[in-house]
Each structure stands twice: as C-alpha cells, then as structure tokens.
Amino acid sequence: MLLTDKIVLPGGAGLVGQNLVARLIAKGCSNIVVLDKHQHNVDVLKSVHGGVLAECVDLAQPGDWRQHFEDAKVVVMLQAQIGGTEYEEFLRNNVEATALILSAVKEHQVSKLVHISSSVVVSVAGDFYTRTKILQENLVLESGISCPILRPTLMFGWFDRKHLGWLSRFMKKVPVFPIPGNGEYMRQPLYVGDFCNVIISAMEGRAADGIYNISGHEKVDYIDIIRHIKRVTGARTVITKIPYSMFHSLLWIWALFDRNPPFTTQQLAALTAKDEFEVIDWPAIFGVQCTPFAEAINETFNDPRYSHIALEF
C-alpha cells in the first residue's frame, strides 16, 4: 500500500474509524474517504481531520456513494449497528449495507478488502448484534472476495461513544455506580489503538487472507474494569453491587423512555454469557505491539488530543 493510495472506509466515523483515520494520517496517508450515516460523528471527524473527505450517506440504500469506490485501492468495512432495540436497524446496517458495499467492491475491482467482523460470531449470546454480525460475515465469506477477516473483542479507546467511554461519563454524573450481580464477568478488552495497527498491517498485506480472532491478551473482570476507569478518571462515585434482576429491570425501564439506550437487556445478557475467546499471537502475525491494559486505559482517558472528544450513539 502506497501513502497516496485511495482508502475508502464505510462506517469510518465510529470508534474504530476515527482511531484508524488518526493513525493513517500519522503514517502520511493522504487520500482517505469516509462514508457514514451518522451526521454528528461525520462532523466530528471533519473537525478533527480537515483533510479527509467525509460524507454522510446511508450505505443500506443504493446511491451516488458508490462512485467513491472508483480507483480505490483499499476498502476497510467498518459499518456496524452495535446498540439499539430494533432488529430492523441491525439488519439494515450490518447486512443490507454490507451486500451493497461488496457489490461496489466487485464493480470497481478494488484490489484490497479488509472486513471488520466481531468475536460475537462465535459467542453463545443470541442478541440482535450477534445474529446480524454472523449474517454479515457469511456474506463476506460467500462473496468470493479474498480478504482478511478480523474478529475483535470488546474495544475501548479514543472517541469511545459507547462501552467504556459511556461508562466513564456516566460514572462522573452519579454518586452511586451500580454493578450487576457480583461483577465478576470475565472480559477480554482490546485497545482500539492496537486494533487499528492490526488493520493497517492487514491493509499492507502482512498477513494472509483468512479469519483472525483479535482478542485482548489480558482477562479482566467487569468490576475491575470499572475500578480502573474510576482510578484514571478520578471519579468519586461509589461502586455498588446490586442484584442482577434489579439491574435488568432498571435497563428495561430505561428502554421504555430511550429509543437508543446506551446499554440494553440484551447486552447485559451478553456481558454475563461467560464467553472466552481464542487468543492468538496477533502481535507476531501482524507485527504490532500489544499495549498493557492499565497503560491503554490511561491513554484512553488522559490523552490531551482526543480524550475529551465523544461521539454520539
């Protein structure tokens, strides 16, 4: 991959995309196109990286956005519906959009595709996200397009609008931070900065085409993640365990008043599903370093350039 090659990032205004753009620009890449349906997040990207062509488009609808794939050398598929309560939204953004993007990749004979899947495709969970990410990955596999498929676990880092980012902001607003049950739900959090370096390595062709489970190398209980966040942010909230059933009921009530809640009962079920994902030596495979969890948490919440920027759901 040359620094002048045209790179197209469908869904590039989200957590991974914003971080990936920052690192591509730092490498000297100068021809980046971001296509995303979330206007606010597109505006954030434009304000932070003025030299990037970013357009607000609905990738689940045929449109003029396909012209951006002409002369593209690399496409990284990042678009994903992560949260929400309506299955149709997950189907549109995770499946229907993917079919149209794959069609554009074939039409314009893009030489390199990288697909961002998710570890949930091998999860025991059965929520809307899991079901549609499985369908999405199958579309890629059945498309006949050879490409590396990356399956990251739960991610955190700069621009985190959900997950740990939202938890940190919520923590600063409330005197008591509730933890469902005993909080000892093992996670394998992945620093998005490391994951972006893996993506760039895949874009450069370092690894062969195939499926790669990019799991966090440290196993951390959910309650310990919360304690780490409280420590690095200086939050004064009191971390309190409450019964799982009560926590579930509170989320259910929240969803009655919020069409797009930051945390849903389905995600609570996924949190407690006791998944443990394969850990491969991706640092060696892709030639990147793995940032220790404590160090990555500090970079996430205390970086002077990006820590203050939050995206919308």
Protein backbone atom coordinates (compact mmCIF):
# COMPACT_ATOMS: atom_id res chain seq x y z
CA MET A 1 0.00 0.00 0.00
CA LEU A 2 1.34 3.40 -1.04
CA LEU A 3 0.71 6.53 1.03
CA THR A 4 -1.10 8.06 -1.96
CA ASP A 5 -3.44 5.07 -2.46
CA LYS A 6 -7.15 5.81 -2.17
CA ILE A 7 -8.59 4.28 1.00
CA VAL A 8 -12.36 4.02 1.49
CA LEU A 9 -13.78 3.48 4.99
CA PRO A 10 -17.50 2.61 5.07
CA GLY A 11 -18.67 3.29 8.61
CA GLY A 12 -15.46 5.20 9.25
CA ALA A 13 -16.88 7.82 11.63
CA GLY A 14 -17.34 5.39 14.53
CA LEU A 15 -14.94 4.32 17.26
CA VAL A 16 -12.60 2.22 15.10
CA GLY A 17 -12.82 4.52 12.09
CA GLN A 18 -11.94 7.69 13.97
CA ASN A 19 -8.94 5.99 15.54
CA LEU A 20 -7.90 4.41 12.24
CA VAL A 21 -8.03 7.74 10.41
CA ALA A 22 -5.84 9.35 13.08
CA ARG A 23 -3.21 6.63 12.65
CA LEU A 24 -3.38 6.58 8.85
CA ILE A 25 -2.82 10.33 8.75
CA ALA A 26 0.07 9.95 11.19
CA LYS A 27 1.62 7.48 8.72
CA GLY A 28 1.27 10.03 5.92
CA CYS A 29 -1.76 8.64 4.05
CA SER A 30 -3.36 11.48 2.10
CA ASN A 31 -6.31 10.04 0.16
CA ILE A 32 -8.91 8.85 2.67
CA VAL A 33 -12.67 8.72 2.07
CA VAL A 34 -15.08 8.14 4.97
CA LEU A 35 -18.72 7.19 4.35
CA ASP A 36 -21.00 7.08 7.40
CA LYS A 37 -24.70 7.61 8.14
CA HIS A 38 -24.23 9.49 11.43
CA GLN A 39 -24.05 13.21 10.66
CA HIS A 40 -22.74 14.30 14.07
CA ASN A 41 -19.88 11.81 14.01
CA VAL A 42 -19.03 12.74 10.42
CA ASP A 43 -18.84 16.38 11.55
CA VAL A 44 -16.56 15.39 14.43
CA LEU A 45 -14.22 13.63 12.01
CA LYS A 46 -14.16 16.65 9.70
CA SER A 47 -13.38 18.99 12.57
CA VAL A 48 -10.51 16.80 13.82
CA HIS A 49 -9.13 15.77 10.42
CA GLY A 50 -9.95 18.53 7.93
CA GLY A 51 -8.08 16.90 5.04
CA VAL A 52 -10.28 13.81 4.96
CA LEU A 53 -13.21 13.56 2.53
CA ALA A 54 -16.15 12.54 4.70
CA GLU A 55 -19.76 12.22 3.57
CA CYS A 56 -22.95 11.40 5.46
CA VAL A 57 -24.68 8.64 3.48
CA ASP A 58 -26.94 5.67 4.15
CA LEU A 59 -24.94 2.66 2.99
CA ALA A 60 -28.02 0.46 3.20
CA GLN A 61 -29.51 2.41 0.28
CA PRO A 62 -28.13 2.41 -3.30
CA GLY A 63 -26.77 5.83 -4.13
CA ASP A 64 -24.06 8.07 -5.51
CA TRP A 65 -21.76 7.00 -2.67
CA ARG A 66 -20.71 4.05 -4.86
CA GLN A 67 -18.68 6.42 -7.05
CA HIS A 68 -16.14 6.78 -4.25
CA PHE A 69 -15.05 3.18 -4.81
CA GLU A 70 -13.72 4.07 -8.26
CA ASP A 71 -9.91 3.89 -8.25
CA ALA A 72 -9.93 2.80 -4.60
CA LYS A 73 -7.00 0.55 -3.67
CA VAL A 74 -8.18 -0.44 -0.19
CA VAL A 75 -11.61 -0.74 1.43
CA VAL A 76 -11.99 -1.40 5.15
CA MET A 77 -15.57 -2.35 6.07
CA LEU A 78 -16.28 -0.85 9.47
CA GLN A 79 -20.03 -0.19 9.32
CA ALA A 80 -21.94 -1.83 12.16
CA GLN A 81 -25.07 -1.36 14.22
CA ILE A 82 -23.88 -2.07 17.76
CA GLY A 83 -26.68 -0.88 20.02
CA GLY A 84 -30.42 -0.33 19.81
CA THR A 85 -33.68 -2.15 20.38
CA GLU A 86 -34.99 -2.61 16.81
CA TYR A 87 -33.87 -5.70 14.86
CA GLU A 88 -34.52 -3.95 11.53
CA GLU A 89 -31.80 -1.39 12.30
CA PHE A 90 -29.27 -4.15 12.88
CA LEU A 91 -30.38 -5.92 9.70
CA ARG A 92 -30.07 -2.75 7.59
CA ASN A 93 -26.70 -1.59 8.84
CA ASN A 94 -24.98 -4.94 9.37
CA VAL A 95 -26.38 -6.98 6.49
CA GLU A 96 -28.07 -4.92 3.79
CA ALA A 97 -25.33 -2.28 3.78
CA THR A 98 -22.66 -4.97 3.57
CA ALA A 99 -24.27 -6.52 0.49
CA LEU A 100 -24.22 -3.17 -1.31
CA ILE A 101 -20.63 -2.43 -0.31
CA LEU A 102 -19.44 -5.83 -1.50
CA SER A 103 -21.20 -5.14 -4.80
CA ALA A 104 -19.35 -1.81 -5.13
CA VAL A 105 -16.02 -3.50 -4.31
CA LYS A 106 -16.60 -6.02 -7.10
CA GLU A 107 -17.86 -3.44 -9.59
CA HIS A 108 -14.81 -1.23 -9.17
CA GLN A 109 -12.38 -4.14 -8.79
CA VAL A 110 -10.89 -2.87 -5.54
CA SER A 111 -7.64 -4.75 -5.03
CA LYS A 112 -7.71 -4.99 -1.21
CA LEU A 113 -10.62 -5.53 1.16
CA VAL A 114 -10.40 -5.84 4.95
CA HIS A 115 -13.56 -6.84 6.80
CA ILE A 116 -14.09 -5.98 10.46
CA SER A 117 -16.21 -8.73 11.94
CA SER A 118 -16.57 -9.40 15.68
CA SER A 119 -15.76 -12.04 18.27
CA VAL A 120 -19.50 -12.34 18.92
CA VAL A 121 -19.90 -14.52 15.82
CA VAL A 122 -18.66 -17.41 17.98
CA SER A 123 -20.45 -16.23 21.13
CA VAL A 124 -23.13 -18.14 23.00
CA ALA A 125 -25.20 -14.94 23.03
CA GLY A 126 -28.17 -14.65 20.68
CA ASP A 127 -28.86 -10.91 20.63
CA PHE A 128 -29.58 -8.79 17.53
CA TYR A 129 -25.95 -7.74 17.17
CA THR A 130 -24.63 -11.30 17.32
CA ARG A 131 -27.20 -12.64 14.87
CA THR A 132 -26.63 -9.94 12.26
CA LYS A 133 -22.83 -9.98 12.58
CA ILE A 134 -22.94 -13.71 11.80
CA LEU A 135 -25.04 -12.97 8.71
CA GLN A 136 -22.65 -10.19 7.74
CA GLU A 137 -19.55 -12.34 7.99
CA ASN A 138 -21.24 -15.08 5.97
CA LEU A 139 -21.97 -12.55 3.22
CA VAL A 140 -18.27 -11.71 3.04
CA LEU A 141 -17.23 -15.36 3.01
CA GLU A 142 -19.76 -16.19 0.29
CA SER A 143 -18.88 -13.15 -1.84
CA GLY A 144 -15.85 -14.81 -3.40
CA ILE A 145 -13.68 -11.82 -2.43
CA SER A 146 -10.49 -12.96 -0.71
CA CYS A 147 -9.73 -10.79 2.29
CA PRO A 148 -8.54 -10.87 5.90
CA ILE A 149 -11.47 -11.01 8.33
CA LEU A 150 -10.70 -9.59 11.76
CA ARG A 151 -12.79 -10.53 14.81
CA PRO A 152 -12.06 -8.10 17.66
CA THR A 153 -13.37 -8.47 21.20
CA LEU A 154 -14.86 -5.58 23.24
CA MET A 155 -12.91 -2.45 22.28
CA PHE A 156 -12.10 0.78 24.05
CA GLY A 157 -10.03 3.86 23.30
CA TRP A 158 -10.23 7.41 21.98
CA PHE A 159 -13.64 8.54 20.66
CA ASP A 160 -15.45 5.76 22.57
CA ARG A 161 -19.12 6.77 22.46
CA LYS A 162 -20.34 3.53 23.99
CA HIS A 163 -18.80 0.80 26.14
CA LEU A 164 -16.07 2.13 28.43
CA GLY A 165 -16.38 5.70 27.19
CA TRP A 166 -20.03 5.92 28.14
CA LEU A 167 -19.36 4.19 31.46
CA SER A 168 -16.71 6.79 32.32
CA ARG A 169 -19.08 9.68 31.58
CA PHE A 170 -21.93 8.06 33.50
CA MET A 171 -19.56 7.46 36.41
CA LYS A 172 -18.85 11.19 36.68
CA LYS A 173 -22.55 12.06 36.83
CA VAL A 174 -23.85 9.71 39.51
CA PRO A 175 -22.97 9.32 43.19
CA VAL A 176 -23.50 5.54 43.03
CA PHE A 177 -22.36 3.30 40.18
CA PRO A 178 -24.34 0.02 40.06
CA ILE A 179 -22.73 -3.30 39.21
CA PRO A 180 -24.98 -6.24 38.23
CA GLY A 181 -24.55 -9.26 40.49
CA ASN A 182 -21.00 -9.82 41.71
CA GLY A 183 -19.46 -8.11 38.67
CA GLU A 184 -17.05 -10.98 38.11
CA TYR A 185 -17.75 -11.35 34.40
CA MET A 186 -14.53 -12.00 32.56
CA ARG A 187 -13.83 -9.66 29.64
CA GLN A 188 -11.00 -9.60 27.12
CA PRO A 189 -10.91 -5.87 26.32
CA LEU A 190 -8.97 -4.81 23.23
CA TYR A 191 -7.32 -1.41 22.94
CA VAL A 192 -8.57 0.13 19.70
CA GLY A 193 -5.14 1.68 19.07
CA ASP A 194 -3.64 -1.81 18.88
CA PHE A 195 -6.51 -2.99 16.71
CA CYS A 196 -6.02 -0.12 14.27
CA ASN A 197 -2.37 -1.09 13.93
CA VAL A 198 -3.54 -4.63 13.12
CA ILE A 199 -5.89 -3.23 10.45
CA ILE A 200 -3.11 -1.16 8.89
CA SER A 201 -0.87 -4.22 8.82
CA ALA A 202 -3.68 -6.15 7.08
CA MET A 203 -4.12 -3.29 4.61
CA GLU A 204 -0.43 -3.53 3.80
CA GLY A 205 -0.77 -7.26 3.14
CA ARG A 206 1.38 -8.51 6.01
CA ALA A 207 -0.99 -11.37 6.89
CA ALA A 208 -2.58 -13.91 4.55
CA ASP A 209 -6.29 -13.78 3.81
CA GLY A 210 -8.36 -15.67 6.37
CA ILE A 211 -10.11 -15.26 9.73
CA TYR A 212 -8.21 -13.86 12.71
CA ASN A 213 -9.51 -13.67 16.29
CA ILE A 214 -8.08 -10.42 17.64
CA SER A 215 -8.77 -10.82 21.35
CA GLY A 216 -7.43 -8.74 24.20
CA HIS A 217 -4.47 -10.56 25.72
CA GLU A 218 -5.45 -9.74 29.32
CA LYS A 219 -8.50 -11.22 31.02
CA VAL A 220 -10.14 -8.63 33.27
CA ASP A 221 -13.36 -8.92 35.27
CA TYR A 222 -16.01 -6.31 34.50
CA ILE A 223 -15.90 -4.91 38.04
CA ASP A 224 -12.12 -4.47 37.80
CA ILE A 225 -12.53 -2.58 34.51
CA ILE A 226 -14.88 -0.21 36.32
CA ARG A 227 -12.34 0.22 39.14
CA HIS A 228 -9.59 1.02 36.60
CA ILE A 229 -11.79 3.67 34.96
CA LYS A 230 -12.64 5.23 38.30
CA ARG A 231 -8.95 5.41 39.20
CA VAL A 232 -7.68 7.04 35.99
CA THR A 233 -10.59 9.49 35.70
CA GLY A 234 -10.64 10.49 39.36
CA ALA A 235 -14.39 9.86 39.63
CA ARG A 236 -15.84 9.99 43.14
CA THR A 237 -18.78 7.67 42.59
CA VAL A 238 -19.29 4.72 44.92
CA ILE A 239 -19.21 1.36 43.14
CA THR A 240 -22.10 -0.74 44.48
CA LYS A 241 -23.22 -4.26 43.61
CA ILE A 242 -26.95 -4.78 43.10
CA PRO A 243 -28.94 -7.93 42.28
CA TYR A 244 -28.87 -8.95 38.63
CA SER A 245 -32.69 -8.95 38.45
CA MET A 246 -32.84 -5.37 39.72
CA PHE A 247 -30.22 -4.24 37.21
CA HIS A 248 -32.16 -5.97 34.42
CA SER A 249 -35.38 -4.24 35.48
CA LEU A 250 -33.72 -0.82 35.52
CA LEU A 251 -32.43 -1.35 31.98
CA TRP A 252 -35.88 -2.48 30.84
CA ILE A 253 -37.50 0.64 32.29
CA TRP A 254 -34.78 2.86 30.74
CA ALA A 255 -35.53 1.40 27.30
CA LEU A 256 -39.18 2.47 27.64
CA PHE A 257 -38.09 6.10 27.57
CA ASP A 258 -34.97 5.91 25.35
CA ARG A 259 -35.24 4.55 21.79
CA ASN A 260 -31.48 4.03 21.60
CA PRO A 261 -30.31 3.27 25.16
CA PRO A 262 -26.57 3.03 25.82
CA PHE A 263 -26.94 -0.36 27.49
CA THR A 264 -29.73 -2.86 26.86
CA THR A 265 -31.01 -6.04 28.50
CA GLN A 266 -29.62 -7.98 25.52
CA GLN A 267 -26.17 -6.52 26.15
CA LEU A 268 -26.49 -7.37 29.84
CA ALA A 269 -27.16 -10.98 28.86
CA ALA A 270 -24.10 -10.90 26.58
CA LEU A 271 -21.99 -9.47 29.43
CA THR A 272 -22.85 -12.41 31.67
CA ALA A 273 -22.70 -15.11 28.95
CA LYS A 274 -19.30 -16.39 30.14
CA ASP A 275 -17.70 -16.25 26.71
CA GLU A 276 -13.97 -16.85 26.45
CA PHE A 277 -12.46 -16.12 23.06
CA GLU A 278 -9.39 -17.62 21.44
CA VAL A 279 -6.17 -15.68 21.97
CA ILE A 280 -3.75 -15.92 19.07
CA ASP A 281 -0.33 -14.32 18.76
CA TRP A 282 -1.62 -11.45 16.65
CA PRO A 283 1.24 -9.14 17.71
CA ALA A 284 3.66 -11.51 15.94
CA ILE A 285 1.35 -12.25 13.00
CA PHE A 286 0.71 -8.59 12.22
CA GLY A 287 3.95 -7.13 13.56
CA VAL A 288 2.37 -4.84 16.16
CA GLN A 289 2.84 -4.30 19.88
CA CYS A 290 0.20 -5.14 22.47
CA THR A 291 -0.38 -2.25 24.89
CA PRO A 292 -0.82 -3.33 28.55
CA PHE A 293 -4.41 -2.81 29.72
CA ALA A 294 -3.58 -0.34 32.51
CA GLU A 295 -1.47 1.76 30.12
CA ALA A 296 -4.15 1.68 27.43
CA ILE A 297 -6.83 2.80 29.91
CA ASN A 298 -4.66 5.76 30.90
CA GLU A 299 -4.09 6.73 27.24
CA THR A 300 -7.82 6.44 26.58
CA PHE A 301 -8.91 8.87 29.27
CA ASN A 302 -5.91 11.17 29.64
CA ASP A 303 -4.66 11.86 26.11
CA PRO A 304 -4.68 15.67 25.60
CA ARG A 305 -5.58 15.42 21.90
CA TYR A 306 -8.57 13.09 21.80
CA SER A 307 -9.73 12.07 25.29
CA HIS A 308 -12.23 14.90 25.51
CA ILE A 309 -13.98 14.02 22.24
CA ALA A 310 -17.07 11.80 22.48
CA LEU A 311 -19.18 10.55 19.62
CA GLU A 312 -22.94 10.03 19.62
CA PHE A 313 -24.74 6.68 19.53
